[in-house]
N, C-alpha and C. Protein backbone atom coordinates (compact mmCIF):
# COMPACT_ATOMS: atom_id res chain seq x y z
N LEU A 1 0.82 -1.19 0.00
CA LEU A 1 0.00 0.00 0.00
C LEU A 1 0.86 1.25 0.00
N GLU A 2 0.42 2.20 -0.78
CA GLU A 2 1.09 3.51 -0.80
C GLU A 2 0.65 4.32 0.40
N PRO A 3 1.56 5.06 1.04
CA PRO A 3 1.11 5.94 2.14
C PRO A 3 0.26 7.07 1.58
N ALA A 4 -0.68 7.50 2.39
CA ALA A 4 -1.55 8.61 1.97
C ALA A 4 -0.70 9.86 1.80
N PRO A 5 -1.03 10.66 0.80
CA PRO A 5 -0.26 11.90 0.62
C PRO A 5 -0.49 12.84 1.80
N ASP A 6 0.53 13.63 2.10
CA ASP A 6 0.39 14.61 3.16
C ASP A 6 -0.58 15.70 2.72
N VAL A 7 -1.52 16.00 3.61
CA VAL A 7 -2.46 17.08 3.35
C VAL A 7 -1.82 18.36 3.86
N PRO A 8 -1.80 19.41 3.04
CA PRO A 8 -1.20 20.65 3.51
C PRO A 8 -1.91 21.16 4.77
N LYS A 9 -1.14 21.64 5.71
CA LYS A 9 -1.68 22.17 6.95
C LYS A 9 -2.34 23.52 6.67
N ALA A 10 -3.54 23.70 7.22
CA ALA A 10 -4.23 24.98 7.05
C ALA A 10 -3.41 26.09 7.68
N GLU A 11 -3.36 27.20 7.01
CA GLU A 11 -2.59 28.34 7.52
C GLU A 11 -3.53 29.48 7.89
N TYR A 12 -3.28 30.06 9.04
CA TYR A 12 -3.99 31.26 9.48
C TYR A 12 -2.96 32.38 9.50
N LEU A 13 -2.88 33.09 8.39
CA LEU A 13 -1.82 34.08 8.20
C LEU A 13 -2.34 35.50 8.12
N GLY A 14 -3.40 35.80 8.85
CA GLY A 14 -3.97 37.14 8.84
C GLY A 14 -3.04 38.15 9.46
N SER A 15 -3.57 39.33 9.74
CA SER A 15 -2.69 40.40 10.20
C SER A 15 -3.22 41.23 11.35
N ASP A 16 -4.41 40.96 11.87
CA ASP A 16 -5.01 41.90 12.81
C ASP A 16 -5.25 41.35 14.22
N VAL A 17 -5.39 40.03 14.36
CA VAL A 17 -5.63 39.40 15.66
C VAL A 17 -4.68 38.22 15.78
N LEU A 18 -3.88 38.22 16.83
CA LEU A 18 -2.88 37.18 17.06
C LEU A 18 -3.35 36.25 18.18
N VAL A 19 -3.28 34.94 17.94
CA VAL A 19 -3.59 33.95 18.97
C VAL A 19 -2.33 33.77 19.83
N LEU A 20 -2.40 34.26 21.07
CA LEU A 20 -1.28 34.09 22.00
C LEU A 20 -1.31 32.68 22.60
N GLU A 21 -2.49 32.24 23.02
CA GLU A 21 -2.71 30.89 23.54
C GLU A 21 -4.04 30.41 22.98
N PRO A 22 -4.09 29.18 22.45
CA PRO A 22 -5.31 28.73 21.79
C PRO A 22 -6.40 28.23 22.73
N GLY A 23 -6.08 27.88 23.96
CA GLY A 23 -7.10 27.30 24.81
C GLY A 23 -7.41 25.87 24.40
N LEU A 24 -8.52 25.36 24.89
CA LEU A 24 -8.91 23.97 24.70
C LEU A 24 -9.76 23.81 23.44
N LEU A 25 -9.25 23.13 22.43
CA LEU A 25 -9.95 22.86 21.18
C LEU A 25 -10.72 24.08 20.66
N THR A 26 -9.99 25.14 20.39
CA THR A 26 -10.56 26.38 19.88
C THR A 26 -10.49 26.36 18.36
N THR A 27 -11.63 26.55 17.72
CA THR A 27 -11.70 26.48 16.26
C THR A 27 -12.43 27.70 15.71
N ILE A 28 -12.30 27.89 14.43
CA ILE A 28 -13.13 28.87 13.72
C ILE A 28 -14.25 28.08 13.07
N GLN A 29 -15.47 28.58 13.24
CA GLN A 29 -16.65 27.95 12.65
C GLN A 29 -17.49 29.03 11.97
N ASP A 30 -18.28 28.62 11.01
CA ASP A 30 -19.23 29.53 10.37
C ASP A 30 -20.50 28.76 10.08
N GLY A 31 -21.28 29.20 9.13
CA GLY A 31 -22.54 28.54 8.80
C GLY A 31 -22.39 27.15 8.21
N GLY A 32 -21.18 26.71 7.94
CA GLY A 32 -20.94 25.35 7.46
C GLY A 32 -20.88 25.22 5.96
N ARG A 33 -21.05 23.99 5.51
CA ARG A 33 -20.96 23.64 4.08
C ARG A 33 -22.28 23.05 3.60
N PRO A 34 -23.34 23.86 3.53
CA PRO A 34 -24.64 23.31 3.10
C PRO A 34 -24.59 22.92 1.63
N GLY A 35 -25.41 21.94 1.29
CA GLY A 35 -25.56 21.54 -0.11
C GLY A 35 -24.50 20.60 -0.63
N LEU A 36 -23.59 20.14 0.21
CA LEU A 36 -22.53 19.25 -0.25
C LEU A 36 -22.66 17.82 0.27
N ARG A 37 -23.73 17.52 0.99
CA ARG A 37 -23.90 16.17 1.55
C ARG A 37 -23.99 15.13 0.44
N ARG A 38 -24.52 15.52 -0.72
CA ARG A 38 -24.66 14.57 -1.82
C ARG A 38 -23.30 14.08 -2.31
N VAL A 39 -22.23 14.81 -1.99
CA VAL A 39 -20.88 14.38 -2.35
C VAL A 39 -20.08 14.04 -1.08
N ALA A 40 -20.80 13.64 -0.04
CA ALA A 40 -20.21 13.13 1.22
C ALA A 40 -19.43 14.16 2.02
N VAL A 41 -19.79 15.43 1.90
CA VAL A 41 -19.16 16.48 2.71
C VAL A 41 -20.14 16.87 3.81
N PRO A 42 -19.76 16.67 5.07
CA PRO A 42 -20.69 17.01 6.15
C PRO A 42 -20.93 18.52 6.26
N LEU A 43 -22.08 18.88 6.83
CA LEU A 43 -22.44 20.29 6.99
C LEU A 43 -21.44 21.00 7.89
N THR A 44 -21.11 20.42 9.01
CA THR A 44 -20.26 21.02 10.06
C THR A 44 -20.80 22.39 10.45
N GLY A 45 -19.95 23.31 10.81
CA GLY A 45 -20.38 24.64 11.22
C GLY A 45 -20.57 24.74 12.72
N PHE A 46 -21.28 25.78 13.14
CA PHE A 46 -21.48 26.07 14.55
C PHE A 46 -22.09 24.89 15.29
N ALA A 47 -21.54 24.53 16.45
CA ALA A 47 -22.13 23.49 17.30
C ALA A 47 -23.36 24.04 18.01
N ASP A 48 -23.36 25.32 18.36
CA ASP A 48 -24.49 25.98 19.00
C ASP A 48 -24.87 27.17 18.13
N ARG A 49 -25.66 26.89 17.11
CA ARG A 49 -26.00 27.89 16.10
C ARG A 49 -26.64 29.14 16.70
N GLY A 50 -27.53 28.97 17.67
CA GLY A 50 -28.20 30.11 18.29
C GLY A 50 -27.22 31.06 18.96
N SER A 51 -26.28 30.52 19.72
CA SER A 51 -25.29 31.36 20.40
C SER A 51 -24.36 32.05 19.40
N ALA A 52 -23.98 31.33 18.35
CA ALA A 52 -23.12 31.93 17.33
C ALA A 52 -23.83 33.09 16.64
N LEU A 53 -25.14 32.92 16.39
CA LEU A 53 -25.91 33.99 15.75
C LEU A 53 -25.97 35.22 16.65
N ILE A 54 -26.14 35.02 17.95
CA ILE A 54 -26.17 36.14 18.89
C ILE A 54 -24.81 36.85 18.91
N ALA A 55 -23.72 36.08 18.95
CA ALA A 55 -22.38 36.68 18.95
C ALA A 55 -22.16 37.51 17.69
N ASN A 56 -22.49 36.93 16.53
CA ASN A 56 -22.32 37.66 15.27
C ASN A 56 -23.22 38.88 15.20
N GLU A 57 -24.47 38.73 15.64
CA GLU A 57 -25.39 39.86 15.63
C GLU A 57 -24.87 41.00 16.52
N SER A 58 -24.26 40.66 17.65
CA SER A 58 -23.80 41.70 18.57
C SER A 58 -22.76 42.62 17.95
N VAL A 59 -21.96 42.09 17.03
CA VAL A 59 -20.93 42.92 16.39
C VAL A 59 -21.30 43.35 14.98
N GLY A 60 -22.53 43.01 14.54
CA GLY A 60 -23.00 43.44 13.24
C GLY A 60 -22.58 42.56 12.08
N ASN A 61 -22.10 41.35 12.36
CA ASN A 61 -21.74 40.41 11.29
C ASN A 61 -22.99 39.73 10.74
N PRO A 62 -22.93 39.23 9.50
CA PRO A 62 -24.02 38.40 8.99
C PRO A 62 -24.16 37.13 9.83
N PRO A 63 -25.32 36.50 9.84
CA PRO A 63 -25.56 35.33 10.71
C PRO A 63 -24.56 34.18 10.54
N GLY A 64 -24.14 33.88 9.32
CA GLY A 64 -23.24 32.75 9.10
C GLY A 64 -21.77 33.11 9.05
N ALA A 65 -21.41 34.32 9.48
CA ALA A 65 -20.01 34.77 9.42
C ALA A 65 -19.12 33.94 10.34
N PRO A 66 -17.85 33.83 10.02
CA PRO A 66 -16.93 33.08 10.89
C PRO A 66 -16.86 33.69 12.29
N ALA A 67 -16.80 32.81 13.28
CA ALA A 67 -16.61 33.20 14.68
C ALA A 67 -15.69 32.17 15.32
N ILE A 68 -15.09 32.53 16.41
CA ILE A 68 -14.20 31.61 17.13
C ILE A 68 -15.04 30.84 18.12
N GLU A 69 -15.05 29.50 17.98
CA GLU A 69 -15.81 28.62 18.87
C GLU A 69 -14.87 28.10 19.94
N ILE A 70 -15.24 28.33 21.20
CA ILE A 70 -14.38 27.89 22.30
C ILE A 70 -15.10 26.79 23.09
N CYS A 71 -14.31 25.83 23.54
CA CYS A 71 -14.82 24.68 24.29
C CYS A 71 -14.32 24.68 25.73
N GLY A 72 -13.50 25.61 26.08
CA GLY A 72 -12.95 25.66 27.42
C GLY A 72 -12.10 26.89 27.60
N PRO A 73 -11.46 27.00 28.75
CA PRO A 73 -10.67 28.19 29.08
C PRO A 73 -9.33 28.21 28.35
N GLY A 74 -8.65 29.34 28.48
CA GLY A 74 -7.28 29.43 28.01
C GLY A 74 -7.03 30.26 26.77
N LEU A 75 -8.08 30.59 26.00
CA LEU A 75 -7.86 31.39 24.80
C LEU A 75 -7.38 32.78 25.19
N ARG A 76 -6.30 33.23 24.54
CA ARG A 76 -5.79 34.60 24.71
C ARG A 76 -5.55 35.17 23.33
N LEU A 77 -6.21 36.30 23.04
CA LEU A 77 -6.08 36.97 21.75
C LEU A 77 -5.50 38.36 21.95
N LEU A 78 -4.53 38.71 21.13
CA LEU A 78 -3.96 40.06 21.10
C LEU A 78 -4.52 40.77 19.89
N PHE A 79 -5.18 41.90 20.12
CA PHE A 79 -5.73 42.68 19.02
C PHE A 79 -4.66 43.66 18.58
N GLU A 80 -4.33 43.62 17.28
CA GLU A 80 -3.28 44.47 16.74
C GLU A 80 -3.84 45.71 16.05
N LYS A 81 -5.16 45.83 16.02
CA LYS A 81 -5.83 47.03 15.57
C LYS A 81 -7.14 47.11 16.32
N THR A 82 -7.79 48.26 16.30
CA THR A 82 -9.05 48.43 17.00
C THR A 82 -10.13 47.61 16.31
N VAL A 83 -10.86 46.81 17.10
CA VAL A 83 -11.92 45.94 16.58
C VAL A 83 -13.11 45.98 17.53
N LEU A 84 -14.22 45.46 17.05
CA LEU A 84 -15.39 45.24 17.89
C LEU A 84 -15.50 43.74 18.13
N VAL A 85 -15.64 43.35 19.40
CA VAL A 85 -15.67 41.94 19.76
C VAL A 85 -16.88 41.67 20.65
N GLY A 86 -17.49 40.49 20.48
CA GLY A 86 -18.64 40.11 21.29
C GLY A 86 -18.54 38.65 21.69
N LEU A 87 -19.05 38.33 22.89
CA LEU A 87 -19.09 36.97 23.41
C LEU A 87 -20.53 36.52 23.56
N ALA A 88 -20.80 35.25 23.27
CA ALA A 88 -22.14 34.68 23.48
C ALA A 88 -22.00 33.19 23.68
N GLY A 89 -23.04 32.59 24.24
CA GLY A 89 -23.07 31.15 24.46
C GLY A 89 -23.01 30.82 25.93
N ALA A 90 -22.25 29.78 26.27
CA ALA A 90 -22.08 29.41 27.67
C ALA A 90 -21.61 30.65 28.43
N SER A 91 -22.01 30.77 29.65
CA SER A 91 -21.57 31.91 30.46
C SER A 91 -20.05 31.89 30.55
N VAL A 92 -19.43 32.97 30.11
CA VAL A 92 -17.96 33.03 30.02
C VAL A 92 -17.42 34.03 31.03
N SER A 93 -16.38 33.62 31.72
CA SER A 93 -15.62 34.54 32.56
C SER A 93 -14.41 34.94 31.74
N ALA A 94 -14.39 36.22 31.31
CA ALA A 94 -13.33 36.69 30.43
C ALA A 94 -12.96 38.12 30.79
N ASP A 95 -11.73 38.48 30.49
CA ASP A 95 -11.23 39.83 30.75
C ASP A 95 -10.64 40.41 29.49
N LEU A 96 -10.77 41.73 29.35
CA LEU A 96 -10.09 42.47 28.31
C LEU A 96 -9.05 43.33 29.02
N GLU A 97 -7.80 43.04 28.75
CA GLU A 97 -6.69 43.78 29.37
C GLU A 97 -6.38 44.99 28.50
N ARG A 98 -6.59 46.18 29.09
CA ARG A 98 -6.36 47.42 28.36
C ARG A 98 -5.22 48.18 29.02
N ALA A 99 -4.25 48.56 28.24
CA ALA A 99 -3.09 49.29 28.78
C ALA A 99 -3.52 50.60 29.43
N ASP A 100 -4.56 51.23 28.87
CA ASP A 100 -4.98 52.53 29.40
C ASP A 100 -5.96 52.44 30.57
N LEU A 101 -6.74 51.36 30.65
CA LEU A 101 -7.78 51.26 31.67
C LEU A 101 -7.63 50.06 32.60
N GLY A 102 -6.66 49.21 32.37
CA GLY A 102 -6.49 48.01 33.21
C GLY A 102 -7.39 46.88 32.76
N LEU A 103 -7.66 45.96 33.69
CA LEU A 103 -8.45 44.76 33.41
C LEU A 103 -9.94 45.08 33.47
N MET A 104 -10.66 44.70 32.42
CA MET A 104 -12.10 44.94 32.36
C MET A 104 -12.80 43.60 32.14
N PRO A 105 -13.77 43.24 32.99
CA PRO A 105 -14.55 42.03 32.72
C PRO A 105 -15.34 42.20 31.43
N MET A 106 -15.34 41.19 30.59
CA MET A 106 -16.07 41.25 29.32
C MET A 106 -17.53 40.90 29.53
N PRO A 107 -18.45 41.75 29.09
CA PRO A 107 -19.87 41.42 29.17
C PRO A 107 -20.23 40.42 28.07
N MET A 108 -21.38 39.80 28.20
CA MET A 108 -21.87 38.85 27.20
C MET A 108 -22.91 39.54 26.31
N ASN A 109 -22.99 39.08 25.06
CA ASN A 109 -24.06 39.44 24.12
C ASN A 109 -24.11 40.90 23.70
N VAL A 110 -22.97 41.58 23.74
CA VAL A 110 -22.92 42.97 23.33
C VAL A 110 -21.52 43.26 22.78
N ALA A 111 -21.42 44.19 21.84
CA ALA A 111 -20.12 44.55 21.27
C ALA A 111 -19.31 45.41 22.23
N VAL A 112 -18.01 45.12 22.29
CA VAL A 112 -17.06 45.90 23.08
C VAL A 112 -15.94 46.32 22.14
N ARG A 113 -15.51 47.55 22.24
CA ARG A 113 -14.39 48.02 21.41
C ARG A 113 -13.08 47.60 22.09
N ALA A 114 -12.29 46.81 21.36
CA ALA A 114 -10.96 46.43 21.82
C ALA A 114 -9.96 47.21 20.98
N ARG A 115 -9.05 47.89 21.63
CA ARG A 115 -8.07 48.70 20.92
C ARG A 115 -6.80 47.89 20.65
N ALA A 116 -5.99 48.42 19.73
CA ALA A 116 -4.70 47.78 19.45
C ALA A 116 -3.93 47.63 20.75
N SER A 117 -3.34 46.48 20.96
CA SER A 117 -2.55 46.06 22.13
C SER A 117 -3.41 45.51 23.26
N ASN A 118 -4.74 45.54 23.15
CA ASN A 118 -5.60 44.91 24.17
C ASN A 118 -5.54 43.41 24.02
N ILE A 119 -5.69 42.70 25.15
CA ILE A 119 -5.64 41.23 25.16
C ILE A 119 -6.93 40.70 25.78
N LEU A 120 -7.61 39.81 25.05
CA LEU A 120 -8.79 39.13 25.55
C LEU A 120 -8.36 37.77 26.10
N THR A 121 -8.75 37.48 27.35
CA THR A 121 -8.43 36.20 27.97
C THR A 121 -9.72 35.53 28.43
N ILE A 122 -9.94 34.30 27.96
CA ILE A 122 -11.09 33.50 28.40
C ILE A 122 -10.63 32.70 29.61
N ARG A 123 -11.21 32.97 30.77
CA ARG A 123 -10.79 32.31 32.01
C ARG A 123 -11.58 31.05 32.32
N ARG A 124 -12.90 31.07 32.02
CA ARG A 124 -13.74 29.95 32.43
C ARG A 124 -15.03 29.95 31.61
N LEU A 125 -15.57 28.76 31.39
CA LEU A 125 -16.91 28.61 30.82
C LEU A 125 -17.79 28.00 31.89
N ASP A 126 -18.94 28.58 32.12
CA ASP A 126 -19.91 28.06 33.08
C ASP A 126 -21.23 27.81 32.36
N ASP A 127 -22.01 26.91 32.87
CA ASP A 127 -23.36 26.68 32.35
C ASP A 127 -23.40 26.43 30.85
N GLY A 128 -22.55 25.56 30.38
CA GLY A 128 -22.54 25.20 28.97
C GLY A 128 -21.16 24.75 28.52
N VAL A 129 -21.07 24.29 27.28
CA VAL A 129 -19.79 23.79 26.79
C VAL A 129 -19.28 24.51 25.54
N ARG A 130 -20.06 25.40 24.97
CA ARG A 130 -19.62 26.15 23.80
C ARG A 130 -19.92 27.62 24.00
N ALA A 131 -18.98 28.43 23.58
CA ALA A 131 -19.18 29.88 23.55
C ALA A 131 -18.49 30.40 22.30
N TYR A 132 -18.86 31.60 21.91
CA TYR A 132 -18.35 32.17 20.66
C TYR A 132 -17.78 33.55 20.89
N VAL A 133 -16.64 33.79 20.24
CA VAL A 133 -16.02 35.11 20.18
C VAL A 133 -16.22 35.58 18.75
N ALA A 134 -17.05 36.60 18.56
CA ALA A 134 -17.26 37.17 17.24
C ALA A 134 -16.49 38.48 17.16
N ILE A 135 -15.82 38.68 16.05
CA ILE A 135 -15.07 39.91 15.81
C ILE A 135 -15.64 40.51 14.52
N ALA A 136 -16.08 41.75 14.60
CA ALA A 136 -16.70 42.39 13.44
C ALA A 136 -15.75 42.37 12.25
N GLY A 137 -16.22 41.81 11.14
CA GLY A 137 -15.43 41.79 9.90
C GLY A 137 -14.33 40.74 9.85
N MET A 138 -14.32 39.76 10.77
CA MET A 138 -13.25 38.75 10.78
C MET A 138 -13.31 37.88 9.53
N THR A 139 -12.13 37.64 8.96
CA THR A 139 -12.01 36.72 7.83
C THR A 139 -11.07 35.60 8.24
N ALA A 140 -11.19 34.45 7.59
CA ALA A 140 -10.34 33.30 7.94
C ALA A 140 -10.16 32.40 6.72
N ALA A 141 -9.20 31.49 6.82
CA ALA A 141 -8.96 30.51 5.77
C ALA A 141 -10.24 29.73 5.50
N ARG A 142 -10.39 29.25 4.26
CA ARG A 142 -11.60 28.51 3.88
C ARG A 142 -11.23 27.22 3.16
N ALA A 143 -12.12 26.24 3.29
CA ALA A 143 -12.03 24.99 2.53
C ALA A 143 -13.43 24.67 2.04
N LEU A 144 -13.61 24.44 0.77
CA LEU A 144 -14.91 24.20 0.15
C LEU A 144 -15.92 25.28 0.50
N GLY A 145 -15.46 26.53 0.48
CA GLY A 145 -16.34 27.67 0.69
C GLY A 145 -16.68 27.99 2.13
N SER A 146 -16.10 27.30 3.09
CA SER A 146 -16.43 27.51 4.49
C SER A 146 -15.17 27.65 5.34
N ALA A 147 -15.26 28.46 6.40
CA ALA A 147 -14.16 28.62 7.35
C ALA A 147 -14.28 27.61 8.49
N SER A 148 -15.29 26.73 8.46
CA SER A 148 -15.51 25.78 9.55
C SER A 148 -14.48 24.67 9.57
N VAL A 149 -13.94 24.46 10.76
CA VAL A 149 -13.02 23.36 11.00
C VAL A 149 -13.85 22.09 11.14
N ASP A 150 -13.43 21.02 10.46
CA ASP A 150 -14.05 19.70 10.61
C ASP A 150 -12.93 18.70 10.83
N LEU A 151 -12.72 18.31 12.07
CA LEU A 151 -11.62 17.41 12.41
C LEU A 151 -11.77 16.06 11.74
N GLY A 152 -12.98 15.55 11.64
CA GLY A 152 -13.21 14.24 11.02
C GLY A 152 -12.85 14.19 9.55
N SER A 153 -13.13 15.26 8.84
CA SER A 153 -12.84 15.33 7.41
C SER A 153 -11.46 15.91 7.11
N GLY A 154 -10.85 16.50 8.12
CA GLY A 154 -9.53 17.11 7.91
C GLY A 154 -9.59 18.48 7.28
N PHE A 155 -10.77 19.11 7.28
CA PHE A 155 -10.88 20.47 6.74
C PHE A 155 -10.39 21.45 7.78
N LEU A 156 -9.34 22.16 7.45
CA LEU A 156 -8.75 23.17 8.32
C LEU A 156 -8.28 22.53 9.63
N ARG A 157 -8.09 23.32 10.69
CA ARG A 157 -7.55 22.77 11.94
C ARG A 157 -7.86 23.72 13.09
N PRO A 158 -7.75 23.21 14.33
CA PRO A 158 -7.93 24.11 15.48
C PRO A 158 -6.86 25.20 15.48
N LEU A 159 -7.16 26.28 16.19
CA LEU A 159 -6.20 27.38 16.29
C LEU A 159 -5.01 26.97 17.14
N GLU A 160 -3.86 27.54 16.82
CA GLU A 160 -2.62 27.31 17.54
C GLU A 160 -1.99 28.66 17.89
N ALA A 161 -1.13 28.65 18.90
CA ALA A 161 -0.39 29.87 19.24
C ALA A 161 0.36 30.35 18.01
N GLY A 162 0.30 31.64 17.73
CA GLY A 162 0.98 32.23 16.57
C GLY A 162 0.08 32.41 15.36
N ASP A 163 -1.10 31.79 15.36
CA ASP A 163 -2.04 31.99 14.26
C ASP A 163 -2.57 33.42 14.28
N ARG A 164 -2.98 33.89 13.10
CA ARG A 164 -3.52 35.25 12.97
C ARG A 164 -4.74 35.22 12.07
N VAL A 165 -5.70 36.10 12.38
CA VAL A 165 -6.84 36.31 11.49
C VAL A 165 -6.91 37.79 11.15
N SER A 166 -7.51 38.08 10.02
CA SER A 166 -7.65 39.46 9.57
C SER A 166 -9.05 39.97 9.87
N VAL A 167 -9.16 41.30 9.92
CA VAL A 167 -10.44 41.95 10.18
C VAL A 167 -10.62 43.03 9.13
N GLU A 168 -11.74 42.94 8.39
CA GLU A 168 -12.06 43.96 7.39
C GLU A 168 -12.70 45.17 8.06
N ALA A 169 -12.65 46.29 7.39
CA ALA A 169 -13.29 47.50 7.90
C ALA A 169 -14.80 47.26 7.98
N ILE A 170 -15.43 47.79 9.03
CA ILE A 170 -16.86 47.61 9.22
C ILE A 170 -17.51 48.96 9.53
N ASP A 171 -18.81 49.00 9.44
CA ASP A 171 -19.59 50.17 9.79
C ASP A 171 -19.98 50.05 11.26
N ALA A 172 -19.40 50.87 12.13
CA ALA A 172 -19.63 50.77 13.57
C ALA A 172 -21.08 51.01 13.95
N ASP A 173 -21.88 51.61 13.08
CA ASP A 173 -23.28 51.86 13.40
C ASP A 173 -24.14 50.60 13.34
N ARG A 174 -23.59 49.51 12.81
CA ARG A 174 -24.41 48.30 12.68
C ARG A 174 -24.34 47.39 13.90
N VAL A 175 -23.59 47.74 14.92
CA VAL A 175 -23.44 46.87 16.08
C VAL A 175 -24.51 47.11 17.13
N ARG A 176 -24.74 46.08 17.96
CA ARG A 176 -25.73 46.19 19.03
C ARG A 176 -25.09 46.85 20.23
N ARG A 177 -25.71 47.89 20.71
CA ARG A 177 -25.18 48.66 21.84
C ARG A 177 -25.67 48.13 23.18
N GLU A 178 -26.79 47.39 23.18
CA GLU A 178 -27.35 46.88 24.42
C GLU A 178 -27.30 45.35 24.39
N PRO A 179 -27.02 44.71 25.54
CA PRO A 179 -27.01 43.24 25.57
C PRO A 179 -28.37 42.65 25.21
N LYS A 180 -28.34 41.55 24.47
CA LYS A 180 -29.57 40.83 24.14
C LYS A 180 -29.87 39.90 25.31
N THR A 181 -31.09 39.92 25.77
CA THR A 181 -31.45 39.08 26.92
C THR A 181 -32.30 37.92 26.51
């Protein structure tokens, strides 16, 4: 038998958000790969679609836009430019470290402005197993039209320290100013 060819490793080579620590099985997910089941490609996508939609809505992203899906603590992101970020899903204990204002607890279900050099740290997940970090205008690597990681199929991969994602310019007026309850 011939050995299987090496599959190229997915690269996250963006320029605006740096993964300092990936945390526990942290992936990028989006609306998935609909319409490809007939050729044996699973849908994949958000594990908790409702929470992902709330996270994306909070920062003004379209419903199926890529978001960072977290399964546990440890994610640390360094923002290299000013962005809007929102958390939704399992109750998350997280801090935004700001050089000018110190440590700020991150609220859930609402957009927060993170400035260049701010660091987001996910400390704990309570009351659930999935939460989402949505960043307004975030873009990521894609396979078959989707940014969703699928470990079973080998599409893309979990985030690792040193990975980067890019953020496109957005209209700040489209974000939610009040938490969704």
